[in-house]
Full PDB file with SEQRES, HELIX, SHEET, SSBOND, CRYST1, ORIGX, SCALE, CONECT and MASTER records, all heavy atoms in Angstrom:
SEQRES   1 A   37  ILE VAL PHE VAL ASN ASP GLY MET ARG ARG TRP HIS ALA          
SEQRES   2 A   37  GLU ARG TYR PRO TYR ALA ALA ASP ARG MET GLN VAL VAL          
SEQRES   3 A   37  PRO ASN GLY TRP GLU PRO GLU LEU LEU GLY THR                  
HELIX    1 AA1 ASP A    6  ARG A   15  1                                  10    
HELIX    2 AA2 PRO A   17  ARG A   22  5                                   6    
HELIX    3 AA3 PRO A   32  LEU A   35  1                                   4    
SHEET    1 AA1 2 VAL A   2  PHE A   3  0                                        
SHEET    2 AA1 2 GLN A  24  VAL A  25  1                                        
CRYST1    1.000    1.000    1.000  90.00  90.00  90.00 P 1           1          
ORIGX1      1.000000  0.000000  0.000000        0.00000                         
ORIGX2      0.000000  1.000000  0.000000        0.00000                         
ORIGX3      0.000000  0.000000  1.000000        0.00000                         
SCALE1      1.000000  0.000000  0.000000        0.00000                         
SCALE2      0.000000  1.000000  0.000000        0.00000                         
SCALE3      0.000000  0.000000  1.000000        0.00000                         
ATOM      1  N   ILE A   1       2.225   0.078  -8.840  1.00  0.00           N  
ATOM      2  CA  ILE A   1       3.061   0.495  -7.714  1.00  0.00           C  
ATOM      3  C   ILE A   1       2.230   0.314  -6.441  1.00  0.00           C  
ATOM      4  O   ILE A   1       1.119   0.837  -6.368  1.00  0.00           O  
ATOM      5  CB  ILE A   1       3.515   1.969  -7.846  1.00  0.00           C  
ATOM      6  CG1 ILE A   1       4.220   2.197  -9.190  1.00  0.00           C  
ATOM      7  CG2 ILE A   1       4.395   2.360  -6.685  1.00  0.00           C  
ATOM      8  CD1 ILE A   1       3.465   3.114 -10.115  1.00  0.00           C  
ATOM      9  N   VAL A   2       2.778  -0.431  -5.490  1.00  0.00           N  
ATOM     10  CA  VAL A   2       2.013  -0.807  -4.295  1.00  0.00           C  
ATOM     11  C   VAL A   2       2.665  -0.221  -3.049  1.00  0.00           C  
ATOM     12  O   VAL A   2       3.883  -0.200  -2.913  1.00  0.00           O  
ATOM     13  CB  VAL A   2       1.946  -2.347  -4.206  1.00  0.00           C  
ATOM     14  CG1 VAL A   2       1.420  -2.789  -2.848  1.00  0.00           C  
ATOM     15  CG2 VAL A   2       1.060  -2.896  -5.312  1.00  0.00           C  
ATOM     16  N   PHE A   3       1.811   0.226  -2.113  1.00  0.00           N  
ATOM     17  CA  PHE A   3       2.269   0.800  -0.836  1.00  0.00           C  
ATOM     18  C   PHE A   3       1.533   0.116   0.313  1.00  0.00           C  
ATOM     19  O   PHE A   3       0.434  -0.426   0.133  1.00  0.00           O  
ATOM     20  CB  PHE A   3       2.017   2.296  -0.792  1.00  0.00           C  
ATOM     21  CG  PHE A   3       2.682   3.060  -1.905  1.00  0.00           C  
ATOM     22  CD1 PHE A   3       1.994   3.326  -3.079  1.00  0.00           C  
ATOM     23  CD2 PHE A   3       3.997   3.466  -1.778  1.00  0.00           C  
ATOM     24  CE1 PHE A   3       2.618   3.988  -4.118  1.00  0.00           C  
ATOM     25  CE2 PHE A   3       4.614   4.156  -2.820  1.00  0.00           C  
ATOM     26  CZ  PHE A   3       3.938   4.408  -4.001  1.00  0.00           C  
ATOM     27  N   VAL A   4       2.096   0.185   1.521  1.00  0.00           N  
ATOM     28  CA  VAL A   4       1.495  -0.470   2.674  1.00  0.00           C  
ATOM     29  C   VAL A   4       0.399   0.351   3.340  1.00  0.00           C  
ATOM     30  O   VAL A   4      -0.372  -0.151   4.134  1.00  0.00           O  
ATOM     31  CB  VAL A   4       2.552  -0.865   3.722  1.00  0.00           C  
ATOM     32  CG1 VAL A   4       3.493  -1.917   3.160  1.00  0.00           C  
ATOM     33  CG2 VAL A   4       3.328   0.346   4.206  1.00  0.00           C  
ATOM     34  N   ASN A   5       0.340   1.650   3.035  1.00  0.00           N  
ATOM     35  CA  ASN A   5      -0.732   2.489   3.588  1.00  0.00           C  
ATOM     36  C   ASN A   5      -1.018   3.652   2.647  1.00  0.00           C  
ATOM     37  O   ASN A   5      -0.237   3.953   1.730  1.00  0.00           O  
ATOM     38  CB  ASN A   5      -0.397   2.970   5.005  1.00  0.00           C  
ATOM     39  CG  ASN A   5       0.869   3.799   5.057  1.00  0.00           C  
ATOM     40  OD1 ASN A   5       0.981   4.823   4.385  1.00  0.00           O  
ATOM     41  ND2 ASN A   5       1.832   3.384   5.873  1.00  0.00           N  
ATOM     42  N   ASP A   6      -2.145   4.290   2.871  1.00  0.00           N  
ATOM     43  CA  ASP A   6      -2.595   5.328   1.933  1.00  0.00           C  
ATOM     44  C   ASP A   6      -1.787   6.620   2.077  1.00  0.00           C  
ATOM     45  O   ASP A   6      -1.696   7.380   1.112  1.00  0.00           O  
ATOM     46  CB  ASP A   6      -4.089   5.628   2.133  1.00  0.00           C  
ATOM     47  CG  ASP A   6      -4.679   6.356   0.951  1.00  0.00           C  
ATOM     48  OD1 ASP A   6      -4.536   5.849  -0.190  1.00  0.00           O  
ATOM     49  OD2 ASP A   6      -5.253   7.436   1.143  1.00  0.00           O  
ATOM     50  N   GLY A   7      -1.224   6.864   3.245  1.00  0.00           N  
ATOM     51  CA  GLY A   7      -0.393   8.053   3.397  1.00  0.00           C  
ATOM     52  C   GLY A   7       0.820   7.988   2.474  1.00  0.00           C  
ATOM     53  O   GLY A   7       1.168   8.980   1.820  1.00  0.00           O  
ATOM     54  N   MET A   8       1.450   6.822   2.408  1.00  0.00           N  
ATOM     55  CA  MET A   8       2.573   6.635   1.501  1.00  0.00           C  
ATOM     56  C   MET A   8       2.144   6.778   0.061  1.00  0.00           C  
ATOM     57  O   MET A   8       2.832   7.375  -0.760  1.00  0.00           O  
ATOM     58  CB  MET A   8       3.201   5.263   1.747  1.00  0.00           C  
ATOM     59  CG  MET A   8       3.889   5.115   3.080  1.00  0.00           C  
ATOM     60  SD  MET A   8       5.600   5.643   3.031  1.00  0.00           S  
ATOM     61  CE  MET A   8       6.306   4.243   2.146  1.00  0.00           C  
ATOM     62  N   ARG A   9       1.004   6.212  -0.259  1.00  0.00           N  
ATOM     63  CA  ARG A   9       0.503   6.313  -1.638  1.00  0.00           C  
ATOM     64  C   ARG A   9       0.282   7.768  -2.018  1.00  0.00           C  
ATOM     65  O   ARG A   9       0.666   8.211  -3.109  1.00  0.00           O  
ATOM     66  CB  ARG A   9      -0.792   5.509  -1.805  1.00  0.00           C  
ATOM     67  CG  ARG A   9      -1.324   5.508  -3.236  1.00  0.00           C  
ATOM     68  CD  ARG A   9      -2.800   5.122  -3.285  1.00  0.00           C  
ATOM     69  NE  ARG A   9      -3.621   6.094  -2.574  1.00  0.00           N  
ATOM     70  CZ  ARG A   9      -4.033   7.259  -3.078  1.00  0.00           C  
ATOM     71  NH1 ARG A   9      -3.635   7.616  -4.295  1.00  0.00           N  
ATOM     72  NH2 ARG A   9      -4.774   8.075  -2.360  1.00  0.00           N  
ATOM     73  N   ARG A  10      -0.362   8.537  -1.137  1.00  0.00           N  
ATOM     74  CA  ARG A  10      -0.669   9.940  -1.456  1.00  0.00           C  
ATOM     75  C   ARG A  10       0.610  10.758  -1.642  1.00  0.00           C  
ATOM     76  O   ARG A  10       0.680  11.593  -2.549  1.00  0.00           O  
ATOM     77  CB  ARG A  10      -1.502  10.559  -0.338  1.00  0.00           C  
ATOM     78  CG  ARG A  10      -2.935  10.022  -0.277  1.00  0.00           C  
ATOM     79  CD  ARG A  10      -3.824  10.934   0.563  1.00  0.00           C  
ATOM     80  NE  ARG A  10      -3.293  11.142   1.901  1.00  0.00           N  
ATOM     81  CZ  ARG A  10      -3.580  10.382   2.935  1.00  0.00           C  
ATOM     82  NH1 ARG A  10      -4.393   9.328   2.802  1.00  0.00           N  
ATOM     83  NH2 ARG A  10      -3.068  10.618   4.131  1.00  0.00           N  
ATOM     84  N   TRP A  11       1.619  10.520  -0.797  1.00  0.00           N  
ATOM     85  CA  TRP A  11       2.868  11.273  -0.920  1.00  0.00           C  
ATOM     86  C   TRP A  11       3.508  11.035  -2.281  1.00  0.00           C  
ATOM     87  O   TRP A  11       3.936  11.968  -2.970  1.00  0.00           O  
ATOM     88  CB  TRP A  11       3.866  10.862   0.170  1.00  0.00           C  
ATOM     89  CG  TRP A  11       5.091  11.698   0.215  1.00  0.00           C  
ATOM     90  CD1 TRP A  11       5.293  12.848   0.905  1.00  0.00           C  
ATOM     91  CD2 TRP A  11       6.342  11.462  -0.491  1.00  0.00           C  
ATOM     92  NE1 TRP A  11       6.567  13.355   0.675  1.00  0.00           N  
ATOM     93  CE2 TRP A  11       7.219  12.510  -0.182  1.00  0.00           C  
ATOM     94  CE3 TRP A  11       6.765  10.462  -1.366  1.00  0.00           C  
ATOM     95  CZ2 TRP A  11       8.522  12.589  -0.689  1.00  0.00           C  
ATOM     96  CZ3 TRP A  11       8.043  10.524  -1.880  1.00  0.00           C  
ATOM     97  CH2 TRP A  11       8.926  11.582  -1.546  1.00  0.00           C  
ATOM     98  N   HIS A  12       3.550   9.777  -2.721  1.00  0.00           N  
ATOM     99  CA  HIS A  12       4.147   9.462  -3.994  1.00  0.00           C  
ATOM    100  C   HIS A  12       3.292   9.920  -5.165  1.00  0.00           C  
ATOM    101  O   HIS A  12       3.809  10.322  -6.212  1.00  0.00           O  
ATOM    102  CB  HIS A  12       4.421   7.955  -4.087  1.00  0.00           C  
ATOM    103  CG  HIS A  12       5.565   7.500  -3.233  1.00  0.00           C  
ATOM    104  ND1 HIS A  12       5.405   7.248  -1.883  1.00  0.00           N  
ATOM    105  CD2 HIS A  12       6.879   7.266  -3.526  1.00  0.00           C  
ATOM    106  CE1 HIS A  12       6.586   6.853  -1.377  1.00  0.00           C  
ATOM    107  NE2 HIS A  12       7.476   6.877  -2.335  1.00  0.00           N  
ATOM    108  N   ALA A  13       1.979   9.885  -4.988  1.00  0.00           N  
ATOM    109  CA  ALA A  13       1.095  10.352  -6.065  1.00  0.00           C  
ATOM    110  C   ALA A  13       1.269  11.846  -6.310  1.00  0.00           C  
ATOM    111  O   ALA A  13       1.203  12.303  -7.443  1.00  0.00           O  
ATOM    112  CB  ALA A  13      -0.362  10.033  -5.702  1.00  0.00           C  
ATOM    113  N   GLU A  14       1.497  12.601  -5.263  1.00  0.00           N  
ATOM    114  CA  GLU A  14       1.711  14.043  -5.422  1.00  0.00           C  
ATOM    115  C   GLU A  14       3.059  14.318  -6.071  1.00  0.00           C  
ATOM    116  O   GLU A  14       3.177  15.244  -6.898  1.00  0.00           O  
ATOM    117  CB  GLU A  14       1.639  14.725  -4.048  1.00  0.00           C  
ATOM    118  CG  GLU A  14       0.245  14.725  -3.445  1.00  0.00           C  
ATOM    119  CD  GLU A  14       0.231  15.252  -2.030  1.00  0.00           C  
ATOM    120  OE1 GLU A  14       1.303  15.693  -1.531  1.00  0.00           O  
ATOM    121  OE2 GLU A  14      -0.847  15.228  -1.403  1.00  0.00           O  
ATOM    122  N   ARG A  15       4.063  13.532  -5.759  1.00  0.00           N  
ATOM    123  CA  ARG A  15       5.399  13.767  -6.334  1.00  0.00           C  
ATOM    124  C   ARG A  15       5.500  13.226  -7.751  1.00  0.00           C  
ATOM    125  O   ARG A  15       6.207  13.812  -8.579  1.00  0.00           O  
ATOM    126  CB  ARG A  15       6.453  13.099  -5.446  1.00  0.00           C  
ATOM    127  CG  ARG A  15       7.891  13.244  -5.954  1.00  0.00           C  
ATOM    128  CD  ARG A  15       8.890  12.947  -4.882  1.00  0.00           C  
ATOM    129  NE  ARG A  15       9.054  14.042  -3.961  1.00  0.00           N  
ATOM    130  CZ  ARG A  15       9.967  15.006  -4.073  1.00  0.00           C  
ATOM    131  NH1 ARG A  15      10.773  15.032  -5.115  1.00  0.00           N  
ATOM    132  NH2 ARG A  15      10.048  15.946  -3.166  1.00  0.00           N  
ATOM    133  N   TYR A  16       4.801  12.132  -8.040  1.00  0.00           N  
ATOM    134  CA  TYR A  16       4.863  11.505  -9.363  1.00  0.00           C  
ATOM    135  C   TYR A  16       3.429  11.375  -9.904  1.00  0.00           C  
ATOM    136  O   TYR A  16       2.915  10.245 -10.033  1.00  0.00           O  
ATOM    137  CB  TYR A  16       5.531  10.157  -9.288  1.00  0.00           C  
ATOM    138  CG  TYR A  16       6.904  10.176  -8.642  1.00  0.00           C  
ATOM    139  CD1 TYR A  16       7.105   9.699  -7.344  1.00  0.00           C  
ATOM    140  CD2 TYR A  16       8.002  10.712  -9.309  1.00  0.00           C  
ATOM    141  CE1 TYR A  16       8.355   9.734  -6.739  1.00  0.00           C  
ATOM    142  CE2 TYR A  16       9.257  10.766  -8.711  1.00  0.00           C  
ATOM    143  CZ  TYR A  16       9.427  10.275  -7.428  1.00  0.00           C  
ATOM    144  OH  TYR A  16      10.657  10.310  -6.846  1.00  0.00           O  
ATOM    145  N   PRO A  17       2.780  12.462 -10.244  1.00  0.00           N  
ATOM    146  CA  PRO A  17       1.379  12.394 -10.652  1.00  0.00           C  
ATOM    147  C   PRO A  17       1.129  11.562 -11.901  1.00  0.00           C  
ATOM    148  O   PRO A  17       0.033  10.992 -12.071  1.00  0.00           O  
ATOM    149  CB  PRO A  17       1.002  13.866 -10.886  1.00  0.00           C  
ATOM    150  CG  PRO A  17       2.307  14.574 -11.107  1.00  0.00           C  
ATOM    151  CD  PRO A  17       3.293  13.848 -10.255  1.00  0.00           C  
ATOM    152  N   TYR A  18       2.119  11.447 -12.758  1.00  0.00           N  
ATOM    153  CA  TYR A  18       1.945  10.664 -13.999  1.00  0.00           C  
ATOM    154  C   TYR A  18       1.795   9.171 -13.723  1.00  0.00           C  
ATOM    155  O   TYR A  18       1.364   8.399 -14.581  1.00  0.00           O  
ATOM    156  CB  TYR A  18       3.143  10.884 -14.935  1.00  0.00           C  
ATOM    157  CG  TYR A  18       4.489  10.672 -14.310  1.00  0.00           C  
ATOM    158  CD1 TYR A  18       5.036   9.400 -14.176  1.00  0.00           C  
ATOM    159  CD2 TYR A  18       5.245  11.755 -13.850  1.00  0.00           C  
ATOM    160  CE1 TYR A  18       6.270   9.199 -13.585  1.00  0.00           C  
ATOM    161  CE2 TYR A  18       6.483  11.568 -13.262  1.00  0.00           C  
ATOM    162  CZ  TYR A  18       6.994  10.286 -13.132  1.00  0.00           C  
ATOM    163  OH  TYR A  18       8.228  10.098 -12.558  1.00  0.00           O  
ATOM    164  N   ALA A  19       2.148   8.731 -12.502  1.00  0.00           N  
ATOM    165  CA  ALA A  19       2.005   7.325 -12.132  1.00  0.00           C  
ATOM    166  C   ALA A  19       0.889   7.083 -11.112  1.00  0.00           C  
ATOM    167  O   ALA A  19       0.676   5.938 -10.708  1.00  0.00           O  
ATOM    168  CB  ALA A  19       3.331   6.800 -11.575  1.00  0.00           C  
ATOM    169  N   ALA A  20       0.181   8.140 -10.734  1.00  0.00           N  
ATOM    170  CA  ALA A  20      -0.796   8.038  -9.645  1.00  0.00           C  
ATOM    171  C   ALA A  20      -1.891   7.028  -9.929  1.00  0.00           C  
ATOM    172  O   ALA A  20      -2.361   6.342  -9.014  1.00  0.00           O  
ATOM    173  CB  ALA A  20      -1.421   9.408  -9.381  1.00  0.00           C  
ATOM    174  N   ASP A  21      -2.306   6.899 -11.176  1.00  0.00           N  
ATOM    175  CA  ASP A  21      -3.418   5.977 -11.491  1.00  0.00           C  
ATOM    176  C   ASP A  21      -2.996   4.520 -11.415  1.00  0.00           C  
ATOM    177  O   ASP A  21      -3.837   3.626 -11.469  1.00  0.00           O  
ATOM    178  CB  ASP A  21      -3.992   6.290 -12.866  1.00  0.00           C  
ATOM    179  CG  ASP A  21      -2.971   6.083 -13.990  1.00  0.00           C  
ATOM    180  OD1 ASP A  21      -1.757   6.112 -13.707  1.00  0.00           O  
ATOM    181  OD2 ASP A  21      -3.399   5.914 -15.158  1.00  0.00           O  
ATOM    182  N   ARG A  22      -1.705   4.259 -11.253  1.00  0.00           N  
ATOM    183  CA  ARG A  22      -1.221   2.885 -11.119  1.00  0.00           C  
ATOM    184  C   ARG A  22      -0.785   2.556  -9.709  1.00  0.00           C  
ATOM    185  O   ARG A  22      -0.189   1.506  -9.452  1.00  0.00           O  
ATOM    186  CB  ARG A  22      -0.054   2.656 -12.100  1.00  0.00           C  
ATOM    187  CG  ARG A  22      -0.488   2.552 -13.548  1.00  0.00           C  
ATOM    188  CD  ARG A  22       0.686   2.556 -14.518  1.00  0.00           C  
ATOM    189  NE  ARG A  22       1.185   3.899 -14.756  1.00  0.00           N  
ATOM    190  CZ  ARG A  22       2.457   4.261 -14.587  1.00  0.00           C  
ATOM    191  NH1 ARG A  22       3.361   3.399 -14.171  1.00  0.00           N  
ATOM    192  NH2 ARG A  22       2.823   5.511 -14.830  1.00  0.00           N  
ATOM    193  N   MET A  23      -1.080   3.451  -8.771  1.00  0.00           N  
ATOM    194  CA  MET A  23      -0.688   3.266  -7.388  1.00  0.00           C  
ATOM    195  C   MET A  23      -1.829   2.655  -6.579  1.00  0.00           C  
ATOM    196  O   MET A  23      -2.986   3.104  -6.674  1.00  0.00           O  
ATOM    197  CB  MET A  23      -0.252   4.606  -6.769  1.00  0.00           C  
ATOM    198  CG  MET A  23       1.005   5.159  -7.384  1.00  0.00           C  
ATOM    199  SD  MET A  23       1.506   6.748  -6.639  1.00  0.00           S  
ATOM    200  CE  MET A  23       3.009   7.119  -7.564  1.00  0.00           C  
ATOM    201  N   GLN A  24      -1.501   1.622  -5.812  1.00  0.00           N  
ATOM    202  CA  GLN A  24      -2.487   0.907  -5.018  1.00  0.00           C  
ATOM    203  C   GLN A  24      -1.962   0.714  -3.593  1.00  0.00           C  
ATOM    204  O   GLN A  24      -0.756   0.819  -3.338  1.00  0.00           O  
ATOM    205  CB  GLN A  24      -2.758  -0.475  -5.635  1.00  0.00           C  
ATOM    206  CG  GLN A  24      -3.311  -0.434  -7.060  1.00  0.00           C  
ATOM    207  CD  GLN A  24      -4.775  -0.107  -7.112  1.00  0.00           C  
ATOM    208  OE1 GLN A  24      -5.472  -0.095  -6.086  1.00  0.00           O  
ATOM    209  NE2 GLN A  24      -5.275   0.170  -8.314  1.00  0.00           N  
ATOM    210  N   VAL A  25      -2.868   0.412  -2.685  1.00  0.00           N  
ATOM    211  CA  VAL A  25      -2.512   0.100  -1.299  1.00  0.00           C  
ATOM    212  C   VAL A  25      -2.771  -1.390  -1.049  1.00  0.00           C  
ATOM    213  O   VAL A  25      -3.873  -1.878  -1.321  1.00  0.00           O  
ATOM    214  CB  VAL A  25      -3.302   0.955  -0.290  1.00  0.00           C  
ATOM    215  CG1 VAL A  25      -3.016   0.499   1.146  1.00  0.00           C  
ATOM    216  CG2 VAL A  25      -2.969   2.424  -0.455  1.00  0.00           C  
ATOM    217  N   VAL A  26      -1.776  -2.062  -0.567  1.00  0.00           N  
ATOM    218  CA  VAL A  26      -1.914  -3.466  -0.099  1.00  0.00           C  
ATOM    219  C   VAL A  26      -1.428  -3.491   1.338  1.00  0.00           C  
ATOM    220  O   VAL A  26      -0.211  -3.511   1.585  1.00  0.00           O  
ATOM    221  CB  VAL A  26      -1.099  -4.454  -0.969  1.00  0.00           C  
ATOM    222  CG1 VAL A  26      -1.223  -5.864  -0.412  1.00  0.00           C  
ATOM    223  CG2 VAL A  26      -1.579  -4.397  -2.424  1.00  0.00           C  
ATOM    224  N   PRO A  27      -2.344  -3.450   2.299  1.00  0.00           N  
ATOM    225  CA  PRO A  27      -1.908  -3.403   3.706  1.00  0.00           C  
ATOM    226  C   PRO A  27      -1.160  -4.677   4.103  1.00  0.00           C  
ATOM    227  O   PRO A  27      -1.298  -5.731   3.460  1.00  0.00           O  
ATOM    228  CB  PRO A  27      -3.228  -3.295   4.483  1.00  0.00           C  
ATOM    229  CG  PRO A  27      -4.277  -2.994   3.481  1.00  0.00           C  
ATOM    230  CD  PRO A  27      -3.788  -3.499   2.171  1.00  0.00           C  
ATOM    231  N   ASN A  28      -0.374  -4.566   5.163  1.00  0.00           N  
ATOM    232  CA  ASN A  28       0.176  -5.765   5.749  1.00  0.00           C  
ATOM    233  C   ASN A  28      -0.948  -6.548   6.438  1.00  0.00           C  
ATOM    234  O   ASN A  28      -2.103  -6.130   6.434  1.00  0.00           O  
ATOM    235  CB  ASN A  28       1.278  -5.399   6.750  1.00  0.00           C  
ATOM    236  CG  ASN A  28       2.579  -5.077   6.065  1.00  0.00           C  
ATOM    237  OD1 ASN A  28       3.022  -5.774   5.150  1.00  0.00           O  
ATOM    238  ND2 ASN A  28       3.230  -4.005   6.489  1.00  0.00           N  
ATOM    239  N   GLY A  29      -0.609  -7.659   7.025  1.00  0.00           N  
ATOM    240  CA  GLY A  29      -1.629  -8.466   7.682  1.00  0.00           C  
ATOM    241  C   GLY A  29      -0.987  -9.460   8.624  1.00  0.00           C  
ATOM    242  O   GLY A  29       0.188  -9.344   8.963  1.00  0.00           O  
ATOM    243  N   TRP A  30      -1.746 -10.436   9.036  1.00  0.00           N  
ATOM    244  CA  TRP A  30      -1.249 -11.441   9.968  1.00  0.00           C  
ATOM    245  C   TRP A  30      -1.558 -12.844   9.410  1.00  0.00           C  
ATOM    246  O   TRP A  30      -2.423 -13.007   8.533  1.00  0.00           O  
ATOM    247  CB  TRP A  30      -1.831 -11.273  11.361  1.00  0.00           C  
ATOM    248  CG  TRP A  30      -3.317 -11.441  11.471  1.00  0.00           C  
ATOM    249  CD1 TRP A  30      -4.269 -10.530  11.117  1.00  0.00           C  
ATOM    250  CD2 TRP A  30      -4.020 -12.605  11.923  1.00  0.00           C  
ATOM    251  NE1 TRP A  30      -5.525 -11.051  11.341  1.00  0.00           N  
ATOM    252  CE2 TRP A  30      -5.409 -12.313  11.847  1.00  0.00           C  
ATOM    253  CE3 TRP A  30      -3.617 -13.830  12.414  1.00  0.00           C  
ATOM    254  CZ2 TRP A  30      -6.388 -13.212  12.203  1.00  0.00           C  
ATOM    255  CZ3 TRP A  30      -4.591 -14.755  12.787  1.00  0.00           C  
ATOM    256  CH2 TRP A  30      -5.962 -14.434  12.699  1.00  0.00           C  
ATOM    257  N   GLU A  31      -0.840 -13.828   9.951  1.00  0.00           N  
ATOM    258  CA  GLU A  31      -0.906 -15.183   9.410  1.00  0.00           C  
ATOM    259  C   GLU A  31      -1.577 -16.148  10.391  1.00  0.00           C  
ATOM    260  O   GLU A  31      -0.974 -16.529  11.392  1.00  0.00           O  
ATOM    261  CB  GLU A  31       0.512 -15.689   9.105  1.00  0.00           C  
ATOM    262  CG  GLU A  31       1.257 -14.879   8.058  1.00  0.00           C  
ATOM    263  CD  GLU A  31       1.969 -13.656   8.618  1.00  0.00           C  
ATOM    264  OE1 GLU A  31       1.864 -13.407   9.844  1.00  0.00           O  
ATOM    265  OE2 GLU A  31       2.623 -12.956   7.834  1.00  0.00           O  
ATOM    266  N   PRO A  32      -2.817 -16.553  10.138  1.00  0.00           N  
ATOM    267  CA  PRO A  32      -3.494 -17.504  11.040  1.00  0.00           C  
ATOM    268  C   PRO A  32      -2.714 -18.807  11.187  1.00  0.00           C  
ATOM    269  O   PRO A  32      -2.757 -19.447  12.256  1.00  0.00           O  
ATOM    270  CB  PRO A  32      -4.842 -17.724  10.358  1.00  0.00           C  
ATOM    271  CG  PRO A  32      -5.080 -16.489   9.547  1.00  0.00           C  
ATOM    272  CD  PRO A  32      -3.727 -16.087   9.067  1.00  0.00           C  
ATOM    273  N   GLU A  33      -2.016 -19.232  10.124  1.00  0.00           N  
ATOM    274  CA  GLU A  33      -1.289 -20.490  10.202  1.00  0.00           C  
ATOM    275  C   GLU A  33      -0.107 -20.413  11.169  1.00  0.00           C  
ATOM    276  O   GLU A  33       0.382 -21.439  11.638  1.00  0.00           O  
ATOM    277  CB  GLU A  33      -0.803 -20.923   8.817  1.00  0.00           C  
ATOM    278  CG  GLU A  33       0.322 -20.085   8.217  1.00  0.00           C  
ATOM    279  CD  GLU A  33      -0.166 -18.851   7.475  1.00  0.00           C  
ATOM    280  OE1 GLU A  33      -1.329 -18.447   7.661  1.00  0.00           O  
ATOM    281  OE2 GLU A  33       0.627 -18.286   6.695  1.00  0.00           O  
ATOM    282  N   LEU A  34       0.350 -19.190  11.479  1.00  0.00           N  
ATOM    283  CA  LEU A  34       1.449 -19.016  12.433  1.00  0.00           C  
ATOM    284  C   LEU A  34       0.942 -18.707  13.830  1.00  0.00           C  
ATOM    285  O   LEU A  34       1.532 -19.145  14.827  1.00  0.00           O  
ATOM    286  CB  LEU A  34       2.380 -17.906  11.962  1.00  0.00           C  
ATOM    287  CG  LEU A  34       3.127 -18.139  10.647  1.00  0.00           C  
ATOM    288  CD1 LEU A  34       4.010 -16.945  10.330  1.00  0.00           C  
ATOM    289  CD2 LEU A  34       3.972 -19.416  10.712  1.00  0.00           C  
ATOM    290  N   LEU A  35      -0.111 -17.931  13.925  1.00  0.00           N  
ATOM    291  CA  LEU A  35      -0.588 -17.472  15.235  1.00  0.00           C  
ATOM    292  C   LEU A  35      -1.735 -18.304  15.797  1.00  0.00           C  
ATOM    293  O   LEU A  35      -1.995 -18.291  17.003  1.00  0.00           O  
ATOM    294  CB  LEU A  35      -1.039 -16.012  15.134  1.00  0.00           C  
ATOM    295  CG  LEU A  35       0.062 -15.013  14.811  1.00  0.00           C  
ATOM    296  CD1 LEU A  35      -0.522 -13.597  14.743  1.00  0.00           C  
ATOM    297  CD2 LEU A  35       1.178 -15.045  15.829  1.00  0.00           C  
ATOM    298  N   GLY A  36      -2.441 -19.021  14.921  1.00  0.00           N  
ATOM    299  CA  GLY A  36      -3.570 -19.792  15.381  1.00  0.00           C  
ATOM    300  C   GLY A  36      -4.738 -18.893  15.796  1.00  0.00           C  
ATOM    301  O   GLY A  36      -4.752 -17.696  15.539  1.00  0.00           O  
ATOM    302  N   THR A  37      -5.720 -19.487  16.492  1.00  0.00           N  
ATOM    303  CA  THR A  37      -6.894 -18.734  16.978  1.00  0.00           C  
ATOM    304  C   THR A  37      -6.838 -18.709  18.498  1.00  0.00           C  
ATOM    305  O   THR A  37      -6.869 -19.766  19.149  1.00  0.00           O  
ATOM    306  CB  THR A  37      -8.197 -19.398  16.513  1.00  0.00           C  
ATOM    307  OG1 THR A  37      -8.205 -19.454  15.102  1.00  0.00           O  
ATOM    308  CG2 THR A  37      -9.390 -18.600  17.013  1.00  0.00           C  
TER     309      THR A  37                                                      
MASTER        0    0    0    3    2    0    0    6  308    1    0    3          
END                                                                             
């Protein structure tokens, strides 16, 4: 189970503790191929 930030992960981990060890954070990001340097 993946979230965009740790606050979201923590909220869900507290509500669903049986799944907490499978919860990860994958932040958003930006695309160099679209924005260039």
